[in-house]
Amino acid sequence: MAHGYKTPYRTRMRAQIVLHAARGRSNARIARQTGLHLDTVRKWRGRFAEDGIPGLAYRSRRGRPPSFTALQAAQVKALACQLPAETGASLSRWSCPELAHEAMARGIVSSVSASTVRR
């Protein structure tokens, strides 16, 4: 993993940290040799010490849960792909505020902003 050409960069760097540590090198020396920050070296040495090779894998991060389900997003996208005249609106094309209003009127979502629809 530490020297593989097809190994992703971050995985290769993590493996190199472990190899340097196995050779008895200090965190500061590993950081200098790899060009990584000292805190990064500490983190990956600690994770390897706790969990072994699986500890070097990416851990999903916590975060804000999604506000809309995949189905809701798909329904809004499908609505955006329709011409407004097909839905009964007297428009030639959708604007983001009008699309957000239509999605709420159809009950696809309870509330959504125009900027969220734009994204």
PDB file of N, CA and C in Angstrom:
ATOM      1  N   MET A   1       0.822  -1.199   0.000  1.00  0.00           N
ATOM      2  CA  MET A   1       0.000   0.000   0.000  1.00  0.00           C
ATOM      3  C   MET A   1       0.864   1.262   0.000  1.00  0.00           C
ATOM      4  N   ALA A   2       1.981   1.210   0.687  1.00  0.00           N
ATOM      5  CA  ALA A   2       2.811   2.403   0.833  1.00  0.00           C
ATOM      6  C   ALA A   2       3.541   2.781  -0.446  1.00  0.00           C
ATOM      7  N   HIS A   3       3.714   1.830  -1.352  1.00  0.00           N
ATOM      8  CA  HIS A   3       4.486   2.110  -2.564  1.00  0.00           C
ATOM      9  C   HIS A   3       3.733   1.787  -3.843  1.00  0.00           C
ATOM     10  N   GLY A   4       2.458   1.466  -3.743  1.00  0.00           N
ATOM     11  CA  GLY A   4       1.673   1.108  -4.924  1.00  0.00           C
ATOM     12  C   GLY A   4       1.335   2.321  -5.767  1.00  0.00           C
ATOM     13  N   TYR A   5       1.443   2.149  -7.079  1.00  0.00           N
ATOM     14  CA  TYR A   5       1.129   3.256  -7.984  1.00  0.00           C
ATOM     15  C   TYR A   5      -0.373   3.470  -8.122  1.00  0.00           C
ATOM     16  N   LYS A   6      -1.131   2.405  -7.931  1.00  0.00           N
ATOM     17  CA  LYS A   6      -2.579   2.522  -8.067  1.00  0.00           C
ATOM     18  C   LYS A   6      -3.268   2.798  -6.736  1.00  0.00           C
ATOM     19  N   THR A   7      -2.501   2.843  -5.669  1.00  0.00           N
ATOM     20  CA  THR A   7      -3.053   3.139  -4.352  1.00  0.00           C
ATOM     21  C   THR A   7      -3.403   4.621  -4.280  1.00  0.00           C
ATOM     22  N   PRO A   8      -4.575   4.967  -3.801  1.00  0.00           N
ATOM     23  CA  PRO A   8      -4.903   6.393  -3.656  1.00  0.00           C
ATOM     24  C   PRO A   8      -3.880   7.110  -2.774  1.00  0.00           C
ATOM     25  N   TYR A   9      -3.640   8.372  -3.085  1.00  0.00           N
ATOM     26  CA  TYR A   9      -2.601   9.137  -2.409  1.00  0.00           C
ATOM     27  C   TYR A   9      -2.758   9.119  -0.892  1.00  0.00           C
ATOM     28  N   ARG A  10      -3.957   9.378  -0.402  1.00  0.00           N
ATOM     29  CA  ARG A  10      -4.138   9.463   1.044  1.00  0.00           C
ATOM     30  C   ARG A  10      -3.882   8.120   1.726  1.00  0.00           C
ATOM     31  N   THR A  11      -4.255   7.030   1.072  1.00  0.00           N
ATOM     32  CA  THR A  11      -3.993   5.703   1.632  1.00  0.00           C
ATOM     33  C   THR A  11      -2.498   5.424   1.636  1.00  0.00           C
ATOM     34  N   ARG A  12      -1.809   5.805   0.567  1.00  0.00           N
ATOM     35  CA  ARG A  12      -0.365   5.614   0.493  1.00  0.00           C
ATOM     36  C   ARG A  12       0.358   6.386   1.589  1.00  0.00           C
ATOM     37  N   MET A  13      -0.067   7.627   1.830  1.00  0.00           N
ATOM     38  CA  MET A  13       0.583   8.431   2.872  1.00  0.00           C
ATOM     39  C   MET A  13       0.348   7.825   4.257  1.00  0.00           C
ATOM     40  N   ARG A  14      -0.846   7.328   4.497  1.00  0.00           N
ATOM     41  CA  ARG A  14      -1.145   6.705   5.779  1.00  0.00           C
ATOM     42  C   ARG A  14      -0.288   5.465   5.988  1.00  0.00           C
ATOM     43  N   ALA A  15      -0.132   4.672   4.938  1.00  0.00           N
ATOM     44  CA  ALA A  15       0.697   3.468   5.036  1.00  0.00           C
ATOM     45  C   ALA A  15       2.161   3.834   5.250  1.00  0.00           C
ATOM     46  N   GLN A  16       2.626   4.900   4.617  1.00  0.00           N
ATOM     47  CA  GLN A  16       4.010   5.330   4.810  1.00  0.00           C
ATOM     48  C   GLN A  16       4.243   5.789   6.245  1.00  0.00           C
ATOM     49  N   ILE A  17       3.261   6.446   6.828  1.00  0.00           N
ATOM     50  CA  ILE A  17       3.369   6.854   8.235  1.00  0.00           C
ATOM     51  C   ILE A  17       3.572   5.627   9.113  1.00  0.00           C
ATOM     52  N   VAL A  18       2.778   4.594   8.866  1.00  0.00           N
ATOM     53  CA  VAL A  18       2.866   3.366   9.663  1.00  0.00           C
ATOM     54  C   VAL A  18       4.224   2.701   9.476  1.00  0.00           C
ATOM     55  N   LEU A  19       4.730   2.662   8.247  1.00  0.00           N
ATOM     56  CA  LEU A  19       6.038   2.053   8.004  1.00  0.00           C
ATOM     57  C   LEU A  19       7.155   2.814   8.702  1.00  0.00           C
ATOM     58  N   HIS A  20       7.104   4.137   8.629  1.00  0.00           N
ATOM     59  CA  HIS A  20       8.112   4.945   9.329  1.00  0.00           C
ATOM     60  C   HIS A  20       8.031   4.704  10.836  1.00  0.00           C
ATOM     61  N   ALA A  21       6.829   4.611  11.351  1.00  0.00           N
ATOM     62  CA  ALA A  21       6.656   4.368  12.788  1.00  0.00           C
ATOM     63  C   ALA A  21       7.201   2.998  13.173  1.00  0.00           C
ATOM     64  N   ALA A  22       7.012   2.002  12.301  1.00  0.00           N
ATOM     65  CA  ALA A  22       7.525   0.657  12.580  1.00  0.00           C
ATOM     66  C   ALA A  22       9.050   0.638  12.609  1.00  0.00           C
ATOM     67  N   ARG A  23       9.658   1.574  11.946  1.00  0.00           N
ATOM     68  CA  ARG A  23      11.124   1.681  11.953  1.00  0.00           C
ATOM     69  C   ARG A  23      11.619   2.463  13.159  1.00  0.00           C
ATOM     70  N   GLY A  24      10.687   2.882  14.022  1.00  0.00           N
ATOM     71  CA  GLY A  24      11.062   3.563  15.259  1.00  0.00           C
ATOM     72  C   GLY A  24      11.283   5.056  15.130  1.00  0.00           C
ATOM     73  N   ARG A  25      10.810   5.650  14.083  1.00  0.00           N
ATOM     74  CA  ARG A  25      11.000   7.091  13.881  1.00  0.00           C
ATOM     75  C   ARG A  25       9.978   7.872  14.696  1.00  0.00           C
ATOM     76  N   SER A  26      10.347   9.069  15.089  1.00  0.00           N
ATOM     77  CA  SER A  26       9.455   9.932  15.878  1.00  0.00           C
ATOM     78  C   SER A  26       8.415  10.574  14.975  1.00  0.00           C
ATOM     79  N   ASN A  27       7.365  11.068  15.586  1.00  0.00           N
ATOM     80  CA  ASN A  27       6.317  11.746  14.815  1.00  0.00           C
ATOM     81  C   ASN A  27       6.872  12.955  14.078  1.00  0.00           C
ATOM     82  N   ALA A  28       7.745  13.718  14.743  1.00  0.00           N
ATOM     83  CA  ALA A  28       8.305  14.916  14.117  1.00  0.00           C
ATOM     84  C   ALA A  28       9.140  14.547  12.889  1.00  0.00           C
ATOM     85  N   ARG A  29       9.908  13.490  12.993  1.00  0.00           N
ATOM     86  CA  ARG A  29      10.742  13.072  11.857  1.00  0.00           C
ATOM     87  C   ARG A  29       9.869  12.556  10.712  1.00  0.00           C
ATOM     88  N   ILE A  30       8.830  11.788  11.035  1.00  0.00           N
ATOM     89  CA  ILE A  30       7.919  11.295  10.002  1.00  0.00           C
ATOM     90  C   ILE A  30       7.249  12.474   9.301  1.00  0.00           C
ATOM     91  N   ALA A  31       6.838  13.467  10.064  1.00  0.00           N
ATOM     92  CA  ALA A  31       6.187  14.642   9.476  1.00  0.00           C
ATOM     93  C   ALA A  31       7.129  15.359   8.520  1.00  0.00           C
ATOM     94  N   ARG A  32       8.391  15.509   8.914  1.00  0.00           N
ATOM     95  CA  ARG A  32       9.360  16.164   8.030  1.00  0.00           C
ATOM     96  C   ARG A  32       9.586  15.355   6.755  1.00  0.00           C
ATOM     97  N   GLN A  33       9.736  14.034   6.893  1.00  0.00           N
ATOM     98  CA  GLN A  33      10.046  13.193   5.739  1.00  0.00           C
ATOM     99  C   GLN A  33       8.876  13.063   4.765  1.00  0.00           C
ATOM    100  N   THR A  34       7.672  13.062   5.283  1.00  0.00           N
ATOM    101  CA  THR A  34       6.512  12.910   4.407  1.00  0.00           C
ATOM    102  C   THR A  34       5.933  14.234   3.948  1.00  0.00           C
ATOM    103  N   GLY A  35       6.281  15.309   4.627  1.00  0.00           N
ATOM    104  CA  GLY A  35       5.735  16.618   4.281  1.00  0.00           C
ATOM    105  C   GLY A  35       4.341  16.842   4.831  1.00  0.00           C
ATOM    106  N   LEU A  36       3.954  16.018   5.798  1.00  0.00           N
ATOM    107  CA  LEU A  36       2.632  16.145   6.416  1.00  0.00           C
ATOM    108  C   LEU A  36       2.749  16.926   7.718  1.00  0.00           C
ATOM    109  N   HIS A  37       1.631  17.382   8.221  1.00  0.00           N
ATOM    110  CA  HIS A  37       1.592  18.095   9.492  1.00  0.00           C
ATOM    111  C   HIS A  37       1.758  17.097  10.627  1.00  0.00           C
ATOM    112  N   LEU A  38       2.370  17.539  11.706  1.00  0.00           N
ATOM    113  CA  LEU A  38       2.621  16.692  12.864  1.00  0.00           C
ATOM    114  C   LEU A  38       1.324  16.103  13.423  1.00  0.00           C
ATOM    115  N   ASP A  39       0.260  16.895  13.447  1.00  0.00           N
ATOM    116  CA  ASP A  39      -1.024  16.399  13.952  1.00  0.00           C
ATOM    117  C   ASP A  39      -1.581  15.273  13.074  1.00  0.00           C
ATOM    118  N   THR A  40      -1.345  15.363  11.773  1.00  0.00           N
ATOM    119  CA  THR A  40      -1.802  14.327  10.856  1.00  0.00           C
ATOM    120  C   THR A  40      -1.076  13.017  11.148  1.00  0.00           C
ATOM    121  N   VAL A  41       0.221  13.098  11.374  1.00  0.00           N
ATOM    122  CA  VAL A  41       1.007  11.902  11.697  1.00  0.00           C
ATOM    123  C   VAL A  41       0.513  11.289  13.002  1.00  0.00           C
ATOM    124  N   ARG A  42       0.280  12.120  13.998  1.00  0.00           N
ATOM    125  CA  ARG A  42      -0.229  11.625  15.289  1.00  0.00           C
ATOM    126  C   ARG A  42      -1.558  10.897  15.121  1.00  0.00           C
ATOM    127  N   LYS A  43      -2.443  11.511  14.350  1.00  0.00           N
ATOM    128  CA  LYS A  43      -3.775  10.934  14.168  1.00  0.00           C
ATOM    129  C   LYS A  43      -3.688   9.552  13.537  1.00  0.00           C
ATOM    130  N   TRP A  44      -2.933   9.414  12.461  1.00  0.00           N
ATOM    131  CA  TRP A  44      -2.910   8.137  11.751  1.00  0.00           C
ATOM    132  C   TRP A  44      -2.112   7.078  12.485  1.00  0.00           C
ATOM    133  N   ARG A  45      -1.086   7.479  13.248  1.00  0.00           N
ATOM    134  CA  ARG A  45      -0.391   6.493  14.083  1.00  0.00           C
ATOM    135  C   ARG A  45      -1.324   5.981  15.177  1.00  0.00           C
ATOM    136  N   GLY A  46      -2.091   6.891  15.750  1.00  0.00           N
ATOM    137  CA  GLY A  46      -3.039   6.504  16.798  1.00  0.00           C
ATOM    138  C   GLY A  46      -4.134   5.593  16.278  1.00  0.00           C
ATOM    139  N   ARG A  47      -4.669   5.903  15.114  1.00  0.00           N
ATOM    140  CA  ARG A  47      -5.726   5.062  14.542  1.00  0.00           C
ATOM    141  C   ARG A  47      -5.201   3.670  14.198  1.00  0.00           C
ATOM    142  N   PHE A  48      -3.967   3.617  13.695  1.00  0.00           N
ATOM    143  CA  PHE A  48      -3.386   2.316  13.393  1.00  0.00           C
ATOM    144  C   PHE A  48      -3.147   1.522  14.674  1.00  0.00           C
ATOM    145  N   ALA A  49      -2.703   2.208  15.724  1.00  0.00           N
ATOM    146  CA  ALA A  49      -2.461   1.523  17.005  1.00  0.00           C
ATOM    147  C   ALA A  49      -3.767   0.965  17.573  1.00  0.00           C
ATOM    148  N   GLU A  50      -4.853   1.676  17.399  1.00  0.00           N
ATOM    149  CA  GLU A  50      -6.149   1.235  17.934  1.00  0.00           C
ATOM    150  C   GLU A  50      -6.784   0.127  17.093  1.00  0.00           C
ATOM    151  N   ASP A  51      -6.786   0.294  15.759  1.00  0.00           N
ATOM    152  CA  ASP A  51      -7.593  -0.573  14.897  1.00  0.00           C
ATOM    153  C   ASP A  51      -6.807  -1.382  13.871  1.00  0.00           C
ATOM    154  N   GLY A  52      -5.503  -1.189  13.772  1.00  0.00           N
ATOM    155  CA  GLY A  52      -4.716  -1.899  12.764  1.00  0.00           C
ATOM    156  C   GLY A  52      -4.983  -1.343  11.378  1.00  0.00           C
ATOM    157  N   ILE A  53      -4.857  -2.197  10.358  1.00  0.00           N
ATOM    158  CA  ILE A  53      -5.051  -1.771   8.957  1.00  0.00           C
ATOM    159  C   ILE A  53      -6.437  -1.171   8.722  1.00  0.00           C
ATOM    160  N   PRO A  54      -7.528  -1.743   9.276  1.00  0.00           N
ATOM    161  CA  PRO A  54      -8.838  -1.112   9.053  1.00  0.00           C
ATOM    162  C   PRO A  54      -8.911   0.324   9.592  1.00  0.00           C
ATOM    163  N   GLY A  55      -8.062   0.665  10.548  1.00  0.00           N
ATOM    164  CA  GLY A  55      -8.051   2.021  11.090  1.00  0.00           C
ATOM    165  C   GLY A  55      -7.564   3.062  10.106  1.00  0.00           C
ATOM    166  N   LEU A  56      -6.898   2.611   9.048  1.00  0.00           N
ATOM    167  CA  LEU A  56      -6.394   3.547   8.036  1.00  0.00           C
ATOM    168  C   LEU A  56      -7.449   3.911   7.002  1.00  0.00           C
ATOM    169  N   ALA A  57      -8.572   3.242   7.030  1.00  0.00           N
ATOM    170  CA  ALA A  57      -9.640   3.510   6.055  1.00  0.00           C
ATOM    171  C   ALA A  57     -10.348   4.816   6.387  1.00  0.00           C
ATOM    172  N   TYR A  58     -11.011   5.342   5.390  1.00  0.00           N
ATOM    173  CA  TYR A  58     -11.784   6.571   5.555  1.00  0.00           C
ATOM    174  C   TYR A  58     -12.980   6.301   6.458  1.00  0.00           C
ATOM    175  N   ARG A  59     -13.204   7.180   7.411  1.00  0.00           N
ATOM    176  CA  ARG A  59     -14.378   7.087   8.278  1.00  0.00           C
ATOM    177  C   ARG A  59     -15.379   8.141   7.839  1.00  0.00           C
ATOM    178  N   SER A  60     -16.608   7.738   7.703  1.00  0.00           N
ATOM    179  CA  SER A  60     -17.614   8.727   7.326  1.00  0.00           C
ATOM    180  C   SER A  60     -17.779   9.714   8.465  1.00  0.00           C
ATOM    181  N   ARG A  61     -18.028  10.922   8.118  1.00  0.00           N
ATOM    182  CA  ARG A  61     -18.144  11.981   9.105  1.00  0.00           C
ATOM    183  C   ARG A  61     -19.599  12.222   9.454  1.00  0.00           C
ATOM    184  N   ARG A  62     -19.787  12.657  10.656  1.00  0.00           N
ATOM    185  CA  ARG A  62     -21.136  13.069  11.019  1.00  0.00           C
ATOM    186  C   ARG A  62     -21.414  14.391  10.345  1.00  0.00           C
ATOM    187  N   GLY A  63     -22.631  14.687  10.229  1.00  0.00           N
ATOM    188  CA  GLY A  63     -22.997  15.953   9.614  1.00  0.00           C
ATOM    189  C   GLY A  63     -24.483  16.137   9.703  1.00  0.00           C
ATOM    190  N   ARG A  64     -24.913  17.206   9.164  1.00  0.00           N
ATOM    191  CA  ARG A  64     -26.334  17.474   9.165  1.00  0.00           C
ATOM    192  C   ARG A  64     -27.037  16.444   8.295  1.00  0.00           C
ATOM    193  N   PRO A  65     -28.092  15.851   8.801  1.00  0.00           N
ATOM    194  CA  PRO A  65     -28.803  14.872   7.974  1.00  0.00           C
ATOM    195  C   PRO A  65     -29.447  15.563   6.773  1.00  0.00           C
ATOM    196  N   PRO A  66     -29.618  14.842   5.683  1.00  0.00           N
ATOM    197  CA  PRO A  66     -30.225  15.457   4.501  1.00  0.00           C
ATOM    198  C   PRO A  66     -31.636  15.956   4.804  1.00  0.00           C
ATOM    199  N   SER A  67     -31.949  17.108   4.250  1.00  0.00           N
ATOM    200  CA  SER A  67     -33.275  17.699   4.456  1.00  0.00           C
ATOM    201  C   SER A  67     -34.335  17.067   3.575  1.00  0.00           C
ATOM    202  N   PHE A  68     -33.908  16.559   2.428  1.00  0.00           N
ATOM    203  CA  PHE A  68     -34.848  15.999   1.468  1.00  0.00           C
ATOM    204  C   PHE A  68     -34.417  14.582   1.111  1.00  0.00           C
ATOM    205  N   THR A  69     -35.394  13.734   0.885  1.00  0.00           N
ATOM    206  CA  THR A  69     -35.093  12.370   0.486  1.00  0.00           C
ATOM    207  C   THR A  69     -34.694  12.350  -0.988  1.00  0.00           C
ATOM    208  N   ALA A  70     -34.128  11.250  -1.411  1.00  0.00           N
ATOM    209  CA  ALA A  70     -33.750  11.110  -2.819  1.00  0.00           C
ATOM    210  C   ALA A  70     -34.989  11.153  -3.715  1.00  0.00           C
ATOM    211  N   LEU A  71     -36.089  10.611  -3.213  1.00  0.00           N
ATOM    212  CA  LEU A  71     -37.337  10.631  -3.982  1.00  0.00           C
ATOM    213  C   LEU A  71     -37.829  12.067  -4.178  1.00  0.00           C
ATOM    214  N   GLN A  72     -37.786  12.874  -3.126  1.00  0.00           N
ATOM    215  CA  GLN A  72     -38.219  14.263  -3.247  1.00  0.00           C
ATOM    216  C   GLN A  72     -37.342  15.013  -4.241  1.00  0.00           C
ATOM    217  N   ALA A  73     -36.034  14.807  -4.168  1.00  0.00           N
ATOM    218  CA  ALA A  73     -35.128  15.482  -5.096  1.00  0.00           C
ATOM    219  C   ALA A  73     -35.425  15.059  -6.534  1.00  0.00           C
ATOM    220  N   ALA A  74     -35.690  13.784  -6.737  1.00  0.00           N
ATOM    221  CA  ALA A  74     -36.008  13.290  -8.083  1.00  0.00           C
ATOM    222  C   ALA A  74     -37.316  13.875  -8.592  1.00  0.00           C
ATOM    223  N   GLN A  75     -38.305  14.004  -7.700  1.00  0.00           N
ATOM    224  CA  GLN A  75     -39.586  14.564  -8.118  1.00  0.00           C
ATOM    225  C   GLN A  75     -39.458  16.038  -8.501  1.00  0.00           C
ATOM    226  N   VAL A  76     -38.658  16.783  -7.758  1.00  0.00           N
ATOM    227  CA  VAL A  76     -38.459  18.199  -8.099  1.00  0.00           C
ATOM    228  C   VAL A  76     -37.706  18.310  -9.418  1.00  0.00           C
ATOM    229  N   LYS A  77     -36.710  17.445  -9.633  1.00  0.00           N
ATOM    230  CA  LYS A  77     -35.976  17.460 -10.901  1.00  0.00           C
ATOM    231  C   LYS A  77     -36.891  17.100 -12.070  1.00  0.00           C
ATOM    232  N   ALA A  78     -37.766  16.125 -11.856  1.00  0.00           N
ATOM    233  CA  ALA A  78     -38.708  15.749 -12.913  1.00  0.00           C
ATOM    234  C   ALA A  78     -39.651  16.911 -13.223  1.00  0.00           C
ATOM    235  N   LEU A  79     -40.082  17.615 -12.200  1.00  0.00           N
ATOM    236  CA  LEU A  79     -40.939  18.783 -12.389  1.00  0.00           C
ATOM    237  C   LEU A  79     -40.205  19.862 -13.173  1.00  0.00           C
ATOM    238  N   ALA A  80     -38.931  20.041 -12.873  1.00  0.00           N
ATOM    239  CA  ALA A  80     -38.139  21.060 -13.563  1.00  0.00           C
ATOM    240  C   ALA A  80     -37.951  20.712 -15.033  1.00  0.00           C
ATOM    241  N   CYS A  81     -37.989  19.429 -15.360  1.00  0.00           N
ATOM    242  CA  CYS A  81     -37.807  19.005 -16.751  1.00  0.00           C
ATOM    243  C   CYS A  81     -39.075  19.171 -17.580  1.00  0.00           C
ATOM    244  N   GLN A  82     -40.215  19.366 -16.932  1.00  0.00           N
ATOM    245  CA  GLN A  82     -41.470  19.569 -17.652  1.00  0.00           C
ATOM    246  C   GLN A  82     -41.614  21.039 -18.031  1.00  0.00           C
ATOM    247  N   LEU A  83     -42.280  21.278 -19.088  1.00  0.00           N
ATOM    248  CA  LEU A  83     -42.592  22.662 -19.454  1.00  0.00           C
ATOM    249  C   LEU A  83     -43.670  23.177 -18.514  1.00  0.00           C
ATOM    250  N   PRO A  84     -43.584  24.414 -18.074  1.00  0.00           N
ATOM    251  CA  PRO A  84     -44.602  24.945 -17.168  1.00  0.00           C
ATOM    252  C   PRO A  84     -46.004  24.904 -17.759  1.00  0.00           C
ATOM    253  N   ALA A  85     -46.114  25.071 -19.076  1.00  0.00           N
ATOM    254  CA  ALA A  85     -47.432  25.050 -19.717  1.00  0.00           C
ATOM    255  C   ALA A  85     -48.095  23.676 -19.572  1.00  0.00           C
ATOM    256  N   GLU A  86     -47.307  22.595 -19.489  1.00  0.00           N
ATOM    257  CA  GLU A  86     -47.851  21.253 -19.319  1.00  0.00           C
ATOM    258  C   GLU A  86     -48.462  21.067 -17.925  1.00  0.00           C
ATOM    259  N   THR A  87     -47.999  21.853 -16.990  1.00  0.00           N
ATOM    260  CA  THR A  87     -48.494  21.731 -15.616  1.00  0.00           C
ATOM    261  C   THR A  87     -49.602  22.728 -15.323  1.00  0.00           C
ATOM    262  N   GLY A  88     -49.924  23.562 -16.278  1.00  0.00           N
ATOM    263  CA  GLY A  88     -50.997  24.539 -16.069  1.00  0.00           C
ATOM    264  C   GLY A  88     -50.501  25.911 -15.681  1.00  0.00           C
ATOM    265  N   ALA A  89     -49.217  26.091 -15.543  1.00  0.00           N
ATOM    266  CA  ALA A  89     -48.669  27.408 -15.212  1.00  0.00           C
ATOM    267  C   ALA A  89     -48.555  28.236 -16.486  1.00  0.00           C
ATOM    268  N   SER A  90     -48.769  29.528 -16.352  1.00  0.00           N
ATOM    269  CA  SER A  90     -48.722  30.400 -17.531  1.00  0.00           C
ATOM    270  C   SER A  90     -47.321  30.997 -17.681  1.00  0.00           C
ATOM    271  N   LEU A  91     -46.351  30.130 -17.795  1.00  0.00           N
ATOM    272  CA  LEU A  91     -44.961  30.558 -17.935  1.00  0.00           C
ATOM    273  C   LEU A  91     -44.363  29.886 -19.165  1.00  0.00           C
ATOM    274  N   SER A  92     -43.318  30.501 -19.709  1.00  0.00           N
ATOM    275  CA  SER A  92     -42.635  29.849 -20.822  1.00  0.00           C
ATOM    276  C   SER A  92     -41.522  28.937 -20.310  1.00  0.00           C
ATOM    277  N   ARG A  93     -40.946  29.262 -19.141  1.00  0.00           N
ATOM    278  CA  ARG A  93     -39.945  28.396 -18.516  1.00  0.00           C
ATOM    279  C   ARG A  93     -39.954  28.627 -17.014  1.00  0.00           C
ATOM    280  N   TRP A  94     -39.426  27.654 -16.254  1.00  0.00           N
ATOM    281  CA  TRP A  94     -39.432  27.756 -14.796  1.00  0.00           C
ATOM    282  C   TRP A  94     -38.359  28.711 -14.301  1.00  0.00           C
ATOM    283  N   SER A  95     -38.699  29.497 -13.312  1.00  0.00           N
ATOM    284  CA  SER A  95     -37.689  30.202 -12.544  1.00  0.00           C
ATOM    285  C   SER A  95     -37.566  29.434 -11.221  1.00  0.00           C
ATOM    286  N   CYS A  96     -36.498  29.643 -10.517  1.00  0.00           N
ATOM    287  CA  CYS A  96     -36.290  28.895  -9.273  1.00  0.00           C
ATOM    288  C   CYS A  96     -37.372  29.194  -8.228  1.00  0.00           C
ATOM    289  N   PRO A  97     -37.762  30.462  -8.018  1.00  0.00           N
ATOM    290  CA  PRO A  97     -38.832  30.708  -7.047  1.00  0.00           C
ATOM    291  C   PRO A  97     -40.151  30.063  -7.450  1.00  0.00           C
ATOM    292  N   GLU A  98     -40.480  30.107  -8.745  1.00  0.00           N
ATOM    293  CA  GLU A  98     -41.740  29.507  -9.197  1.00  0.00           C
ATOM    294  C   GLU A  98     -41.698  27.983  -9.086  1.00  0.00           C
ATOM    295  N   LEU A  99     -40.553  27.391  -9.344  1.00  0.00           N
ATOM    296  CA  LEU A  99     -40.398  25.948  -9.216  1.00  0.00           C
ATOM    297  C   LEU A  99     -40.504  25.533  -7.749  1.00  0.00           C
ATOM    298  N   ALA A 100     -39.919  26.297  -6.855  1.00  0.00           N
ATOM    299  CA  ALA A 100     -40.030  26.004  -5.418  1.00  0.00           C
ATOM    300  C   ALA A 100     -41.483  26.102  -4.966  1.00  0.00           C
ATOM    301  N   HIS A 101     -42.176  27.127  -5.433  1.00  0.00           N
ATOM    302  CA  HIS A 101     -43.590  27.307  -5.073  1.00  0.00           C
ATOM    303  C   HIS A 101     -44.429  26.141  -5.601  1.00  0.00           C
ATOM    304  N   GLU A 102     -44.173  25.716  -6.833  1.00  0.00           N
ATOM    305  CA  GLU A 102     -44.922  24.611  -7.422  1.00  0.00           C
ATOM    306  C   GLU A 102     -44.655  23.298  -6.681  1.00  0.00           C
ATOM    307  N   ALA A 103     -43.419  23.075  -6.272  1.00  0.00           N
ATOM    308  CA  ALA A 103     -43.087  21.851  -5.528  1.00  0.00           C
ATOM    309  C   ALA A 103     -43.821  21.820  -4.189  1.00  0.00           C
ATOM    310  N   MET A 104     -43.940  22.967  -3.547  1.00  0.00           N
ATOM    311  CA  MET A 104     -44.686  23.031  -2.281  1.00  0.00           C
ATOM    312  C   MET A 104     -46.177  22.880  -2.528  1.00  0.00           C
ATOM    313  N   ALA A 105     -46.674  23.480  -3.619  1.00  0.00           N
ATOM    314  CA  ALA A 105     -48.103  23.392  -3.926  1.00  0.00           C
ATOM    315  C   ALA A 105     -48.508  21.945  -4.241  1.00  0.00           C
ATOM    316  N   ARG A 106     -47.632  21.189  -4.866  1.00  0.00           N
ATOM    317  CA  ARG A 106     -47.931  19.794  -5.185  1.00  0.00           C
ATOM    318  C   ARG A 106     -47.725  18.859  -3.998  1.00  0.00           C
ATOM    319  N   GLY A 107     -47.163  19.369  -2.935  1.00  0.00           N
ATOM    320  CA  GLY A 107     -46.936  18.545  -1.753  1.00  0.00           C
ATOM    321  C   GLY A 107     -45.708  17.664  -1.840  1.00  0.00           C
ATOM    322  N   ILE A 108     -44.818  17.969  -2.761  1.00  0.00           N
ATOM    323  CA  ILE A 108     -43.576  17.198  -2.869  1.00  0.00           C
ATOM    324  C   ILE A 108     -42.719  17.451  -1.641  1.00  0.00           C
ATOM    325  N   VAL A 109     -42.632  18.716  -1.241  1.00  0.00           N
ATOM    326  CA  VAL A 109     -41.889  19.112  -0.046  1.00  0.00           C
ATOM    327  C   VAL A 109     -42.762  20.059   0.764  1.00  0.00           C
ATOM    328  N   SER A 110     -42.501  20.105   2.063  1.00  0.00           N
ATOM    329  CA  SER A 110     -43.301  21.019   2.892  1.00  0.00           C
ATOM    330  C   SER A 110     -42.820  22.453   2.753  1.00  0.00           C
ATOM    331  N   SER A 111     -41.510  22.629   2.643  1.00  0.00           N
ATOM    332  CA  SER A 111     -40.962  23.961   2.398  1.00  0.00           C
ATOM    333  C   SER A 111     -39.601  23.807   1.736  1.00  0.00           C
ATOM    334  N   VAL A 112     -39.314  24.709   0.819  1.00  0.00           N
ATOM    335  CA  VAL A 112     -38.036  24.709   0.117  1.00  0.00           C
ATOM    336  C   VAL A 112     -37.801  26.126  -0.399  1.00  0.00           C
ATOM    337  N   SER A 113     -36.555  26.569  -0.369  1.00  0.00           N
ATOM    338  CA  SER A 113     -36.237  27.903  -0.849  1.00  0.00           C
ATOM    339  C   SER A 113     -35.832  27.838  -2.316  1.00  0.00           C
ATOM    340  N   ALA A 114     -35.874  28.982  -2.950  1.00  0.00           N
ATOM    341  CA  ALA A 114     -35.488  29.064  -4.358  1.00  0.00           C
ATOM    342  C   ALA A 114     -34.006  28.727  -4.525  1.00  0.00           C
ATOM    343  N   SER A 115     -33.170  29.113  -3.573  1.00  0.00           N
ATOM    344  CA  SER A 115     -31.748  28.810  -3.689  1.00  0.00           C
ATOM    345  C   SER A 115     -31.475  27.318  -3.558  1.00  0.00           C
ATOM    346  N   THR A 116     -32.263  26.630  -2.741  1.00  0.00           N
ATOM    347  CA  THR A 116     -32.118  25.172  -2.611  1.00  0.00           C
ATOM    348  C   THR A 116     -32.528  24.503  -3.911  1.00  0.00           C
ATOM    349  N   VAL A 117     -33.581  24.976  -4.533  1.00  0.00           N
ATOM    350  CA  VAL A 117     -34.009  24.425  -5.823  1.00  0.00           C
ATOM    351  C   VAL A 117     -32.926  24.683  -6.869  1.00  0.00           C
ATOM    352  N   ARG A 118     -32.315  25.833  -6.822  1.00  0.00           N
ATOM    353  CA  ARG A 118     -31.254  26.177  -7.780  1.00  0.00           C
ATOM    354  C   ARG A 118     -30.075  25.220  -7.624  1.00  0.00           C
ATOM    355  N   ARG A 119     -29.700  24.924  -6.372  1.00  0.00           N
ATOM    356  CA  ARG A 119     -28.577  23.993  -6.132  1.00  0.00           C
ATOM    357  C   ARG A 119     -28.929  22.607  -6.615  1.00  0.00           C
TER     358      ARG A 119
END
